[in-house]
């Protein structure tokens, strides 16, 4: 349990730091592209503008941290109940909010700090109440369904961004979270891991669901950071990657709380998700930094 918690916390730190660095790179690229009107006809970012954002050094470092976080999160998903591992990992919203103060110049209100405190307290309740993680043995057909759902979510998100433009920011964040949630479920049920069997691993649709959900979720999260509030997009991601996987873990994979502490697990889970949503609800709208006064024009 302790190893799993430390792994999940490390993944959360990597994801939170990576999100802010990606936001810095995305916004720097977006400001350059604004002058060139590098947007779709509906106001959303074009594929070329997203590619330019991914080429900034901040975004590259953030992406490396995301990959490290992915590896740690995958390990945590196999060591902890999903309702605990996904919730701890989703606490990267706290890291994102705090680092946004320094790197993005965003001020957090008292309500936001209170919401962050609620999330941290809820994680303590969850860690105290969490019991054993369930098994990952499921029918082969469910692995195929997981791949189909992942494809549908990611393709639907890409179409929504193209059609809705800036209005799709929260939806893109939510769908990216659902993608990361599907990734967590896929890691838990993946065949050929323990004991290692390359043939079983490559033949498992869950492996390809992980790839689709991971890559698609990263793309949608990048777009959400470009066109919407950093905290708002990340909070929507938190809801997506926490609620559904947690429910699936309990009802489908056999995750459980400690005897007599189910109420504490439910309370902690609800407070953690509610606190994350509150950070977005009370979030201060991102405002550009004041322009630097120009020097007076020289005569002659």
Foldseek 3Di string as FASTA:
>chain_A
DVLLLVLLLLLLLLQLQLLQLLLLLLQVLLVVCVVVVQAAPQAFHDPVSLVNSCPDPSNVSSVVSNVSSLVSLLVSLQFFQQLLSLLSSLLSLVSNVVVCCVRVVFDADPLLVVLNVLLVVLSVLQVQWWDGFFAQADDLVVQVVLQVVLVVLLVVLVVCCNNNHLVCLLVLLLSLLLLLLSLSSLSRNAPQVVVHDVVSRVPRSSNVSNVSSNVSSVSSLSRSSNRADSLSSSLSSSCNNNDVSNVCRVPPRPTDTPPPSPVSNVVSSVSNNVSSNSSNVSGDGRDDDDDDDDDDDDDD
